[in-house]
C-alpha atoms as a PDB file:
ATOM      1  CA  MET A   1      29.282  18.341  -8.235  1.00  0.00           C
ATOM      2  CA  PRO A   2      25.634  19.978  -9.950  1.00  0.00           C
ATOM      3  CA  LYS A   3      22.972  19.057  -7.534  1.00  0.00           C
ATOM      4  CA  LEU A   4      20.797  15.821  -8.404  1.00  0.00           C
ATOM      5  CA  PHE A   5      16.995  16.578  -9.366  1.00  0.00           C
ATOM      6  CA  TYR A   6      14.405  13.612  -9.621  1.00  0.00           C
ATOM      7  CA  SER A   7      10.376  13.891  -9.735  1.00  0.00           C
ATOM      8  CA  LEU A   8       8.085  10.792  -9.341  1.00  0.00           C
ATOM      9  CA  SER A   9       4.715  10.581 -10.838  1.00  0.00           C
ATOM     10  CA  LEU A  10       2.397   7.723 -10.591  1.00  0.00           C
ATOM     11  CA  LEU A  11      -1.070   6.727 -12.485  1.00  0.00           C
ATOM     12  CA  LEU A  12      -2.889   4.099 -11.429  1.00  0.00           C
ATOM     13  CA  LEU A  13      -5.105   2.871 -14.174  1.00  0.00           C
ATOM     14  CA  SER A  14      -8.119   1.087 -14.384  1.00  0.00           C
ATOM     15  CA  ILE A  15      -8.664  -2.355 -12.364  1.00  0.00           C
ATOM     16  CA  ILE A  16     -10.350  -4.533 -15.018  1.00  0.00           C
ATOM     17  CA  GLN A  17     -12.244  -7.094 -12.801  1.00  0.00           C
ATOM     18  CA  ALA A  18     -11.285  -6.669  -9.482  1.00  0.00           C
ATOM     19  CA  THR A  19     -13.176  -8.172  -7.085  1.00  0.00           C
ATOM     20  CA  ALA A  20     -12.242  -5.962  -4.219  1.00  0.00           C
ATOM     21  CA  GLN A  21     -11.867  -2.872  -3.788  1.00  0.00           C
ATOM     22  CA  GLU A  22      -8.910  -3.354  -1.059  1.00  0.00           C
ATOM     23  CA  ASP A  23      -5.244  -2.413  -2.214  1.00  0.00           C
ATOM     24  CA  PHE A  24      -4.076  -5.811  -3.219  1.00  0.00           C
ATOM     25  CA  PHE A  25      -1.600  -4.821  -5.623  1.00  0.00           C
ATOM     26  CA  LYS A  26       0.806  -1.847  -5.693  1.00  0.00           C
ATOM     27  CA  VAL A  27       3.933  -0.918  -8.001  1.00  0.00           C
ATOM     28  CA  TYR A  28       6.711   1.251  -5.992  1.00  0.00           C
ATOM     29  CA  TYR A  29      10.212   2.147  -6.622  1.00  0.00           C
ATOM     30  CA  GLU A  30      13.329   1.764  -4.379  1.00  0.00           C
ATOM     31  CA  GLN A  31      16.562   4.226  -4.711  1.00  0.00           C
ATOM     32  CA  THR A  32      20.152   3.725  -4.119  1.00  0.00           C
ATOM     33  CA  ASP A  33      23.294   5.823  -4.652  1.00  0.00           C
ATOM     34  CA  THR A  34      23.929   4.075  -8.317  1.00  0.00           C
ATOM     35  CA  THR A  35      19.933   1.861  -8.931  1.00  0.00           C
ATOM     36  CA  ILE A  36      16.449   2.615  -8.886  1.00  0.00           C
ATOM     37  CA  SER A  37      14.571  -0.569  -9.025  1.00  0.00           C
ATOM     38  CA  ILE A  38      10.724  -0.564  -9.365  1.00  0.00           C
ATOM     39  CA  TYR A  39       9.085  -3.662  -7.935  1.00  0.00           C
ATOM     40  CA  ALA A  40       5.510  -4.599  -7.396  1.00  0.00           C
ATOM     41  CA  ASP A  41       3.771  -6.351  -4.782  1.00  0.00           C
ATOM     42  CA  ASN A  42       0.486  -9.019  -4.951  1.00  0.00           C
ATOM     43  CA  SER A  43      -1.133  -9.954  -1.856  1.00  0.00           C
ATOM     44  CA  GLY A  44      -4.041 -11.026  -3.654  1.00  0.00           C
ATOM     45  CA  PHE A  45      -4.068 -14.640  -4.945  1.00  0.00           C
ATOM     46  CA  MET A  46      -4.833 -13.931  -8.452  1.00  0.00           C
ATOM     47  CA  PRO A  47      -1.818 -13.131 -10.905  1.00  0.00           C
ATOM     48  CA  VAL A  48      -1.852  -9.929 -12.220  1.00  0.00           C
ATOM     49  CA  SER A  49      -0.404  -8.770 -15.277  1.00  0.00           C
ATOM     50  CA  VAL A  50       1.344  -5.163 -15.409  1.00  0.00           C
ATOM     51  CA  THR A  51       2.155  -2.814 -18.411  1.00  0.00           C
ATOM     52  CA  LEU A  52       4.631  -0.390 -17.372  1.00  0.00           C
ATOM     53  CA  THR A  53       5.446   3.178 -19.534  1.00  0.00           C
ATOM     54  CA  LEU A  54       8.755   5.189 -18.595  1.00  0.00           C
ATOM     55  CA  ASP A  55       9.722   8.068 -19.244  1.00  0.00           C
ATOM     56  CA  LEU A  56      13.058   8.993 -18.727  1.00  0.00           C
ATOM     57  CA  LYS A  57      15.168  11.745 -18.708  1.00  0.00           C
ATOM     58  CA  GLY A  58      19.175  11.112 -18.216  1.00  0.00           C
ATOM     59  CA  LEU A  59      18.404   7.417 -16.561  1.00  0.00           C
ATOM     60  CA  LYS A  60      19.024   4.301 -18.640  1.00  0.00           C
ATOM     61  CA  PRO A  61      17.123   0.834 -18.081  1.00  0.00           C
ATOM     62  CA  THR A  62      19.341  -2.104 -17.882  1.00  0.00           C
ATOM     63  CA  GLN A  63      16.644  -3.714 -20.269  1.00  0.00           C
ATOM     64  CA  GLU A  64      14.203  -3.005 -22.521  1.00  0.00           C
ATOM     65  CA  PRO A  65      11.015  -2.856 -20.544  1.00  0.00           C
ATOM     66  CA  SER A  66       8.998  -5.798 -21.161  1.00  0.00           C
ATOM     67  CA  GLU A  67       5.811  -6.051 -22.838  1.00  0.00           C
ATOM     68  CA  TYR A  68       3.933  -7.037 -19.833  1.00  0.00           C
ATOM     69  CA  TYR A  69       4.759  -8.522 -16.843  1.00  0.00           C
ATOM     70  CA  ILE A  70       3.569 -11.676 -14.775  1.00  0.00           C
ATOM     71  CA  ILE A  71       3.573 -10.964 -11.030  1.00  0.00           C
ATOM     72  CA  GLU A  72       1.905 -14.287  -9.487  1.00  0.00           C
ATOM     73  CA  GLY A  73      -0.099 -13.742  -6.196  1.00  0.00           C
ATOM     74  CA  LYS A  74       1.071 -13.957  -2.846  1.00  0.00           C
ATOM     75  CA  THR A  75       4.410 -12.367  -3.604  1.00  0.00           C
ATOM     76  CA  ALA A  76       6.636  -9.445  -3.145  1.00  0.00           C
ATOM     77  CA  THR A  77       9.314  -7.447  -4.248  1.00  0.00           C
ATOM     78  CA  ASN A  78       8.758  -8.512  -7.460  1.00  0.00           C
ATOM     79  CA  LYS A  79      11.640  -6.897  -9.489  1.00  0.00           C
ATOM     80  CA  LEU A  80       9.957  -5.149 -12.786  1.00  0.00           C
ATOM     81  CA  ILE A  81      13.164  -2.978 -13.697  1.00  0.00           C
ATOM     82  CA  ASP A  82      16.642  -1.060 -13.153  1.00  0.00           C
ATOM     83  CA  LEU A  83      17.355   2.172 -13.740  1.00  0.00           C
ATOM     84  CA  VAL A  84      20.765   3.062 -13.619  1.00  0.00           C
ATOM     85  CA  ILE A  85      21.610   6.955 -12.155  1.00  0.00           C
ATOM     86  CA  PRO A  86      24.029   8.952 -13.747  1.00  0.00           C
ATOM     87  CA  GLU A  87      26.976  10.178 -11.879  1.00  0.00           C
ATOM     88  CA  GLY A  88      27.381  13.541 -11.818  1.00  0.00           C
ATOM     89  CA  ARG A  89      24.339  15.176 -13.853  1.00  0.00           C
ATOM     90  CA  SER A  90      20.799  15.856 -13.609  1.00  0.00           C
ATOM     91  CA  TRP A  91      17.879  13.549 -14.599  1.00  0.00           C
ATOM     92  CA  ASN A  92      14.049  12.811 -13.783  1.00  0.00           C
ATOM     93  CA  PHE A  93      11.723   9.588 -14.466  1.00  0.00           C
ATOM     94  CA  LYS A  94       8.134   9.681 -14.504  1.00  0.00           C
ATOM     95  CA  TYR A  95       7.000   5.930 -14.436  1.00  0.00           C
ATOM     96  CA  HIS A  96       2.977   4.790 -14.980  1.00  0.00           C
ATOM     97  CA  TYR A  97       1.365   1.590 -15.213  1.00  0.00           C
ATOM     98  CA  ASN A  98      -1.920  -0.487 -15.807  1.00  0.00           C
ATOM     99  CA  TYR A  99      -2.509  -4.052 -14.608  1.00  0.00           C
ATOM    100  CA  TYR A 100      -5.573  -6.444 -14.725  1.00  0.00           C
ATOM    101  CA  LEU A 101      -6.208  -9.709 -13.526  1.00  0.00           C
ATOM    102  CA  GLY A 102      -4.986 -13.254 -14.540  1.00  0.00           C
ATOM    103  CA  LYS A 103      -1.627 -13.948 -17.002  1.00  0.00           C
ATOM    104  CA  ALA A 104      -1.514 -11.861 -20.165  1.00  0.00           C
ATOM    105  CA  ASN A 105       0.823 -14.759 -21.633  1.00  0.00           C
ATOM    106  CA  ALA A 106      -1.593 -17.841 -20.522  1.00  0.00           C
ATOM    107  CA  VAL A 107      -2.668 -20.329 -23.758  1.00  0.00           C
ATOM    108  CA  HIS A 108      -4.984 -22.583 -23.710  1.00  0.00           C
ATOM    109  CA  ASN A 109      -4.245 -26.126 -23.917  1.00  0.00           C
ATOM    110  CA  ASP A 110      -7.045 -27.028 -26.750  1.00  0.00           C
ATOM    111  CA  ASP A 111      -6.230 -30.571 -26.453  1.00  0.00           C
ATOM    112  CA  PHE A 112      -7.011 -30.923 -22.264  1.00  0.00           C
ATOM    113  CA  VAL A 113      -9.932 -33.103 -21.983  1.00  0.00           C
ATOM    114  CA  TYR A 114     -12.469 -31.309 -19.284  1.00  0.00           C
ATOM    115  CA  GLN A 115     -14.890 -33.405 -16.763  1.00  0.00           C
ATOM    116  CA  LEU A 116     -18.496 -32.918 -17.068  1.00  0.00           C
ATOM    117  CA  PRO A 117     -18.868 -30.345 -13.965  1.00  0.00           C
ATOM    118  CA  PHE A 118     -21.230 -32.358 -11.993  1.00  0.00           C
ATOM    119  CA  GLU A 119     -21.833 -35.443  -9.913  1.00  0.00           C
ATOM    120  CA  VAL A 120     -21.296 -38.880 -11.686  1.00  0.00           C
ATOM    121  CA  GLY A 121     -24.438 -40.551 -12.315  1.00  0.00           C
ATOM    122  CA  LYS A 122     -26.445 -37.068 -12.950  1.00  0.00           C
ATOM    123  CA  THR A 123     -27.629 -36.072 -15.933  1.00  0.00           C
ATOM    124  CA  TRP A 124     -28.540 -32.393 -16.994  1.00  0.00           C
ATOM    125  CA  PRO A 125     -29.941 -30.535 -20.112  1.00  0.00           C
ATOM    126  CA  LEU A 126     -27.476 -27.978 -21.785  1.00  0.00           C
ATOM    127  CA  THR A 127     -29.820 -25.275 -21.785  1.00  0.00           C
ATOM    128  CA  GLN A 128     -27.202 -22.733 -23.085  1.00  0.00           C
ATOM    129  CA  GLY A 129     -23.896 -23.189 -24.863  1.00  0.00           C
ATOM    130  CA  TYR A 130     -21.317 -21.559 -26.645  1.00  0.00           C
ATOM    131  CA  ASN A 131     -22.021 -18.411 -27.965  1.00  0.00           C
ATOM    132  CA  GLY A 132     -25.733 -18.945 -27.000  1.00  0.00           C
ATOM    133  CA  ARG A 133     -28.393 -16.353 -28.108  1.00  0.00           C
ATOM    134  CA  SER A 134     -29.858 -15.625 -24.472  1.00  0.00           C
ATOM    135  CA  THR A 135     -26.814 -14.288 -22.830  1.00  0.00           C
ATOM    136  CA  HIS A 136     -23.675 -16.012 -24.195  1.00  0.00           C
ATOM    137  CA  MET A 137     -23.452 -13.760 -27.504  1.00  0.00           C
ATOM    138  CA  GLY A 138     -19.956 -13.554 -27.978  1.00  0.00           C
ATOM    139  CA  GLU A 139     -18.686 -15.562 -25.032  1.00  0.00           C
ATOM    140  CA  ASN A 140     -18.426 -19.798 -24.862  1.00  0.00           C
ATOM    141  CA  ALA A 141     -19.493 -20.326 -22.054  1.00  0.00           C
ATOM    142  CA  LEU A 142     -22.083 -23.227 -20.928  1.00  0.00           C
ATOM    143  CA  ASP A 143     -25.459 -23.503 -18.825  1.00  0.00           C
ATOM    144  CA  PHE A 144     -26.372 -26.597 -17.578  1.00  0.00           C
ATOM    145  CA  THR A 145     -29.941 -25.993 -15.840  1.00  0.00           C
ATOM    146  CA  MET A 146     -29.933 -28.248 -12.198  1.00  0.00           C
ATOM    147  CA  PRO A 147     -31.874 -27.700  -8.707  1.00  0.00           C
ATOM    148  CA  SER A 148     -29.906 -25.771  -6.215  1.00  0.00           C
ATOM    149  CA  GLY A 149     -27.581 -28.015  -4.103  1.00  0.00           C
ATOM    150  CA  GLU A 150     -26.636 -30.394  -6.883  1.00  0.00           C
ATOM    151  CA  LYS A 151     -22.651 -31.123  -6.123  1.00  0.00           C
ATOM    152  CA  ILE A 152     -20.417 -29.527  -8.457  1.00  0.00           C
ATOM    153  CA  LEU A 153     -17.137 -30.604  -9.594  1.00  0.00           C
ATOM    154  CA  ALA A 154     -13.901 -29.399 -10.925  1.00  0.00           C
ATOM    155  CA  ALA A 155     -13.877 -29.798 -14.567  1.00  0.00           C
ATOM    156  CA  ARG A 156      -9.986 -29.446 -14.605  1.00  0.00           C
ATOM    157  CA  GLY A 157      -7.128 -29.207 -11.723  1.00  0.00           C
ATOM    158  CA  GLY A 158      -5.374 -26.003 -10.532  1.00  0.00           C
ATOM    159  CA  LYS A 159      -5.466 -23.249  -7.669  1.00  0.00           C
ATOM    160  CA  VAL A 160      -8.539 -21.250  -6.331  1.00  0.00           C
ATOM    161  CA  VAL A 161      -7.618 -18.053  -6.827  1.00  0.00           C
ATOM    162  CA  ALA A 162     -11.390 -16.098  -5.804  1.00  0.00           C
ATOM    163  CA  ILE A 163     -14.134 -16.617  -4.091  1.00  0.00           C
ATOM    164  CA  LYS A 164     -18.241 -15.326  -3.322  1.00  0.00           C
ATOM    165  CA  GLU A 165     -20.321 -16.949  -1.430  1.00  0.00           C
ATOM    166  CA  ASP A 166     -22.381 -14.188   0.549  1.00  0.00           C
ATOM    167  CA  SER A 167     -25.454 -13.947  -1.815  1.00  0.00           C
ATOM    168  CA  ASP A 168     -28.491 -15.149  -1.323  1.00  0.00           C
ATOM    169  CA  ARG A 169     -30.209 -12.651  -4.443  1.00  0.00           C
ATOM    170  CA  GLY A 170     -30.701 -13.915  -8.548  1.00  0.00           C
ATOM    171  CA  CYS A 171     -33.324 -12.220 -10.520  1.00  0.00           C
ATOM    172  CA  PRO A 172     -33.288 -12.672 -14.437  1.00  0.00           C
ATOM    173  CA  SER A 173     -31.966  -9.198 -14.882  1.00  0.00           C
ATOM    174  CA  PRO A 174     -28.513  -7.794 -15.374  1.00  0.00           C
ATOM    175  CA  SER A 175     -29.204  -5.910 -11.982  1.00  0.00           C
ATOM    176  CA  CYS A 176     -28.042  -9.034 -10.414  1.00  0.00           C
ATOM    177  CA  ASN A 177     -25.134  -9.564 -12.102  1.00  0.00           C
ATOM    178  CA  ASP A 178     -22.492  -8.716  -9.242  1.00  0.00           C
ATOM    179  CA  TYR A 179     -24.915 -10.900  -6.906  1.00  0.00           C
ATOM    180  CA  GLY A 180     -23.936 -14.192  -8.549  1.00  0.00           C
ATOM    181  CA  ASN A 181     -21.850 -16.472  -5.884  1.00  0.00           C
ATOM    182  CA  TYR A 182     -18.461 -18.301  -7.982  1.00  0.00           C
ATOM    183  CA  ILE A 183     -15.342 -20.344  -7.647  1.00  0.00           C
ATOM    184  CA  ARG A 184     -12.709 -19.213  -9.403  1.00  0.00           C
ATOM    185  CA  ILE A 185      -9.792 -21.515 -10.590  1.00  0.00           C
ATOM    186  CA  LEU A 186      -6.373 -20.861 -12.098  1.00  0.00           C
ATOM    187  CA  HIS A 187      -5.166 -23.829 -14.122  1.00  0.00           C
ATOM    188  CA  ASP A 188      -1.471 -24.451 -15.005  1.00  0.00           C
ATOM    189  CA  ASP A 189      -1.873 -23.216 -18.580  1.00  0.00           C
ATOM    190  CA  GLY A 190      -2.833 -19.845 -17.304  1.00  0.00           C
ATOM    191  CA  THR A 191      -6.485 -20.077 -17.673  1.00  0.00           C
ATOM    192  CA  LEU A 192      -9.241 -18.901 -15.865  1.00  0.00           C
ATOM    193  CA  ALA A 193     -12.154 -21.132 -14.806  1.00  0.00           C
ATOM    194  CA  ASP A 194     -15.238 -19.730 -13.415  1.00  0.00           C
ATOM    195  CA  TYR A 195     -18.525 -21.859 -11.738  1.00  0.00           C
ATOM    196  CA  LEU A 196     -20.816 -19.204 -11.355  1.00  0.00           C
ATOM    197  CA  HIS A 197     -24.149 -19.068  -9.613  1.00  0.00           C
ATOM    198  CA  LEU A 198     -23.777 -21.194  -6.432  1.00  0.00           C
ATOM    199  CA  GLN A 199     -26.237 -21.159  -3.528  1.00  0.00           C
ATOM    200  CA  GLN A 200     -25.100 -18.618  -0.469  1.00  0.00           C
ATOM    201  CA  ASN A 201     -22.620 -20.562   1.477  1.00  0.00           C
ATOM    202  CA  GLY A 202     -21.686 -22.878  -1.740  1.00  0.00           C
ATOM    203  CA  ALA A 203     -17.976 -23.158  -2.116  1.00  0.00           C
ATOM    204  CA  LEU A 204     -16.705 -25.957  -0.236  1.00  0.00           C
ATOM    205  CA  VAL A 205     -13.165 -24.628  -1.013  1.00  0.00           C
ATOM    206  CA  ASN A 206     -11.472 -22.078   0.624  1.00  0.00           C
ATOM    207  CA  LEU A 207      -8.583 -19.632  -1.219  1.00  0.00           C
ATOM    208  CA  GLY A 208      -5.565 -21.297  -2.146  1.00  0.00           C
ATOM    209  CA  ASP A 209      -7.054 -24.581  -2.307  1.00  0.00           C
ATOM    210  CA  GLU A 210      -5.103 -26.909  -4.667  1.00  0.00           C
ATOM    211  CA  VAL A 211      -7.438 -29.044  -6.111  1.00  0.00           C
ATOM    212  CA  GLU A 212      -8.166 -32.135  -8.353  1.00  0.00           C
ATOM    213  CA  LYS A 213      -9.946 -32.741 -11.657  1.00  0.00           C
ATOM    214  CA  GLY A 214     -13.241 -34.290 -10.603  1.00  0.00           C
ATOM    215  CA  GLN A 215     -13.332 -33.163  -7.295  1.00  0.00           C
ATOM    216  CA  HIS A 216     -16.362 -31.671  -5.083  1.00  0.00           C
ATOM    217  CA  ILE A 217     -15.812 -27.986  -5.040  1.00  0.00           C
ATOM    218  CA  GLY A 218     -19.335 -26.354  -4.922  1.00  0.00           C
ATOM    219  CA  LEU A 219     -23.201 -26.269  -4.962  1.00  0.00           C
ATOM    220  CA  SER A 220     -25.372 -25.013  -7.338  1.00  0.00           C
ATOM    221  CA  GLY A 221     -27.812 -22.476  -6.931  1.00  0.00           C
ATOM    222  CA  GLY A 222     -29.365 -19.482  -8.714  1.00  0.00           C
ATOM    223  CA  THR A 223     -27.428 -16.446  -7.371  1.00  0.00           C
ATOM    224  CA  GLY A 224     -26.775 -13.794  -9.471  1.00  0.00           C
ATOM    225  CA  TRP A 225     -28.200 -12.897 -12.652  1.00  0.00           C
ATOM    226  CA  ALA A 226     -30.057 -16.202 -13.696  1.00  0.00           C
ATOM    227  CA  SER A 227     -33.882 -16.920 -14.235  1.00  0.00           C
ATOM    228  CA  GLY A 228     -33.346 -19.976 -12.503  1.00  0.00           C
ATOM    229  CA  PRO A 229     -31.181 -22.421 -10.378  1.00  0.00           C
ATOM    230  CA  HIS A 230     -28.101 -23.556 -13.139  1.00  0.00           C
ATOM    231  CA  LEU A 231     -24.302 -23.632 -13.390  1.00  0.00           C
ATOM    232  CA  HIS A 232     -22.571 -21.181 -15.627  1.00  0.00           C
ATOM    233  CA  PHE A 233     -19.162 -23.004 -16.630  1.00  0.00           C
ATOM    234  CA  MET A 234     -16.652 -20.893 -18.600  1.00  0.00           C
ATOM    235  CA  ILE A 235     -13.055 -21.327 -19.178  1.00  0.00           C
ATOM    236  CA  TYR A 236     -10.727 -17.799 -20.454  1.00  0.00           C
ATOM    237  CA  LYS A 237      -8.467 -15.537 -20.009  1.00  0.00           C
ATOM    238  CA  TYR A 238      -7.714 -11.654 -19.946  1.00  0.00           C
ATOM    239  CA  GLU A 239      -6.004  -9.973 -22.366  1.00  0.00           C
ATOM    240  CA  GLY A 240      -6.377  -5.777 -21.044  1.00  0.00           C
ATOM    241  CA  SER A 241     -10.195  -5.037 -20.654  1.00  0.00           C
ATOM    242  CA  LYS A 242     -10.726  -8.397 -22.947  1.00  0.00           C
ATOM    243  CA  ARG A 243     -11.684 -11.515 -22.022  1.00  0.00           C
ATOM    244  CA  ILE A 244     -11.292 -14.143 -24.574  1.00  0.00           C
ATOM    245  CA  SER A 245     -13.204 -17.672 -23.741  1.00  0.00           C
ATOM    246  CA  TYR A 246     -12.369 -21.060 -25.052  1.00  0.00           C
ATOM    247  CA  GLU A 247     -14.326 -23.946 -26.541  1.00  0.00           C
ATOM    248  CA  THR A 248     -13.271 -26.633 -24.633  1.00  0.00           C
ATOM    249  CA  LYS A 249     -13.245 -30.601 -24.997  1.00  0.00           C
ATOM    250  CA  PHE A 250     -15.148 -32.714 -22.705  1.00  0.00           C
ATOM    251  CA  GLN A 251     -15.168 -36.602 -21.636  1.00  0.00           C
ATOM    252  CA  ILE A 252     -18.815 -37.487 -22.813  1.00  0.00           C
ATOM    253  CA  ASN A 253     -19.027 -40.947 -21.749  1.00  0.00           C
ATOM    254  CA  PRO A 254     -16.249 -43.466 -21.282  1.00  0.00           C
ATOM    255  CA  ARG A 255     -15.707 -43.725 -25.208  1.00  0.00           C
ATOM    256  CA  GLU A 256     -16.689 -40.302 -26.812  1.00  0.00           C
ATOM    257  CA  ILE A 257     -14.550 -37.189 -26.416  1.00  0.00           C
ATOM    258  CA  GLY A 258     -15.848 -33.831 -28.285  1.00  0.00           C
ATOM    259  CA  TYR A 259     -17.442 -30.296 -27.932  1.00  0.00           C
ATOM    260  CA  LEU A 260     -21.217 -30.085 -25.992  1.00  0.00           C
ATOM    261  CA  GLU A 261     -24.254 -29.338 -28.157  1.00  0.00           C
ATOM    262  CA  GLU A 262     -26.537 -26.920 -27.047  1.00  0.00           C
ATOM    263  CA  GLY A 263     -29.983 -28.709 -26.633  1.00  0.00           C
ATOM    264  CA  LYS A 264     -28.920 -31.992 -25.494  1.00  0.00           C
ATOM    265  CA  ARG A 265     -28.649 -34.229 -22.323  1.00  0.00           C
ATOM    266  CA  TYR A 266     -25.387 -34.795 -20.677  1.00  0.00           C
ATOM    267  CA  LYS A 267     -24.731 -37.269 -17.773  1.00  0.00           C
ATOM    268  CA  GLY A 268     -21.990 -37.165 -15.287  1.00  0.00           C
ATOM    269  CA  ASN A 269     -18.892 -40.001 -15.968  1.00  0.00           C
END
């Protein structure tokens, strides 16, 4: 019987919007006499989208590779694909993968009605709206100006998948961008919500928590790239390196649902 040969090379490409340098995600393979199985582990809380490229000689996949694979947070041994080893013939393979945070298959529910993300009865101005001329150009994000320490509420329920709250630094310059504290929540349609510029130790939830719409989750602040205290709120998903953000409907008052307008004041309800 001819001697069997195989070779393996891995190329880890860019990690988009990773919040830490720790190795929370990996792709690897296991081999039996007849099969090579490629798996992925995700020890983080954020779901991950993976693209897989195969260079096969002598091996056959049991099915066509998917355009991308969604690997949920805190899961292991997620099988991506099986490769059948030929009997009595030489073979080799290479695989390359790329991953980014979030769900590539997320589809925003445009009919969902969000709650204003601050305390009931409090009124704050929307100082920058969708595609705003200051720092929101090309993005559907909202800035509510308010003092530090105001209650921030979940505009929609979901799972807490990322938190930063260790910073006490803010300034009106991109040089402070990485100092912004935030809470990130994953929704049931796969989209993400960011509540940004929170005060130091201003997260009142923990990683992995399931939060409800209207729940008190944090305290406002002015950390990061900010000219003063305010709440930056955005709904989005990633497609590769591209961030896609969404305009969202809100319960403006008990009788009105609609999109918020820059320059207007809104009262929590």
